Protein backbone atom coordinates (compact mmCIF):
# COMPACT_ATOMS: atom_id res chain seq x y z
CA MET A 1 8.56 45.24 44.53
CA LYS A 2 8.15 43.27 41.32
CA ASP A 3 10.12 40.10 40.61
CA ILE A 4 10.95 41.08 37.03
CA GLN A 5 11.96 44.39 35.51
CA GLU A 6 9.59 46.42 33.39
CA SER A 7 11.61 45.79 30.21
CA HIS A 8 11.33 41.99 30.55
CA SER A 9 8.16 40.18 29.64
CA SER A 10 6.83 37.13 31.35
CA GLU A 11 6.72 33.69 29.73
CA LYS A 12 2.95 33.87 29.47
CA GLU A 13 3.16 36.90 27.18
CA ASN A 14 5.74 35.20 24.92
CA SER A 15 3.63 32.11 24.18
CA GLN A 16 2.58 31.62 20.56
CA ASP A 17 -1.01 31.18 19.39
CA SER A 18 -0.95 27.51 18.32
CA GLY A 19 1.49 28.10 15.45
CA ILE A 20 -0.76 30.46 13.47
CA VAL A 21 1.25 32.78 11.24
CA PHE A 22 -0.20 36.20 10.50
CA SER A 23 -0.25 37.21 6.87
CA PRO A 24 -1.08 40.89 6.23
CA ILE A 25 -2.62 40.10 2.84
CA GLU A 26 -5.23 37.74 4.32
CA ASP A 27 -7.31 40.66 5.64
CA LEU A 28 -7.32 42.24 2.18
CA LEU A 29 -8.31 38.94 0.55
CA LYS A 30 -11.15 38.45 3.04
CA ALA A 31 -12.38 41.99 2.41
CA THR A 32 -12.37 41.51 -1.38
CA ASN A 33 -13.75 37.94 -1.12
CA ASP A 34 -10.76 36.56 -3.03
CA ILE A 35 -8.98 33.21 -2.70
CA PRO A 36 -5.53 33.27 -1.08
CA PRO A 37 -2.71 32.54 -3.57
CA TYR A 38 -1.69 29.35 -1.79
CA ARG A 39 -5.19 27.90 -2.32
CA LYS A 40 -5.66 28.75 -6.02
CA GLY A 41 -4.35 25.42 -7.34
CA GLY A 42 -6.61 23.42 -5.07
CA ARG A 43 -9.09 20.67 -5.63
CA GLN A 44 -11.58 20.62 -8.45
CA PRO A 45 -15.34 20.37 -7.91
CA LYS A 46 -16.63 16.89 -7.16
CA GLY A 47 -18.29 16.36 -10.56
CA ILE A 48 -15.13 17.19 -12.48
CA ARG A 49 -13.08 14.86 -10.27
CA VAL A 50 -15.56 12.00 -10.83
CA VAL A 51 -15.43 12.47 -14.61
CA GLY A 52 -11.64 12.65 -14.58
CA TYR A 53 -11.23 9.54 -12.43
CA SER A 54 -13.73 7.69 -14.62
CA MET A 55 -11.84 8.57 -17.80
CA ILE A 56 -8.48 7.57 -16.32
CA GLY A 57 -9.98 4.30 -15.05
CA PHE A 58 -11.50 3.58 -18.47
CA PHE A 59 -8.17 4.10 -20.26
CA VAL A 60 -6.28 1.96 -17.74
CA LEU A 61 -8.84 -0.87 -18.12
CA MET A 62 -8.68 -0.67 -21.92
CA ILE A 63 -4.88 -0.92 -21.87
CA ALA A 64 -5.11 -3.89 -19.48
CA PHE A 65 -7.68 -5.65 -21.72
CA VAL A 66 -5.52 -5.07 -24.80
CA LEU A 67 -2.44 -6.48 -23.04
CA VAL A 68 -4.41 -9.53 -21.85
CA ALA A 69 -5.79 -10.07 -25.37
CA ILE A 70 -2.30 -9.83 -26.92
CA LEU A 71 -0.84 -12.24 -24.36
CA ALA A 72 -3.75 -14.69 -24.74
CA SER A 73 -3.47 -14.78 -28.54
CA GLN A 74 0.18 -15.86 -28.48
C-alpha cells in the first residue's frame, strides 16, 4: 500500500525550476525572432555608448574649466 493518496503529490513534484517564470508570449517572440517587450529599452550598441559618454565627459570638463577660470580671475 502507498504512503500517500493518489490525489496528493509528493514534495519532489512540487519543487520549482529555479524561479523561472513561464511567459506564454515568449514562444511566439522566439518564433517570430522578435525582442521581448521587457528588453526593448535596453542598452545601446557599444559605439553609440562611447560617443555619448565622450560628449557628456566633454561638456562636464568644459563646465569645470569655465568655473575654474571664473574663480581664478576674481
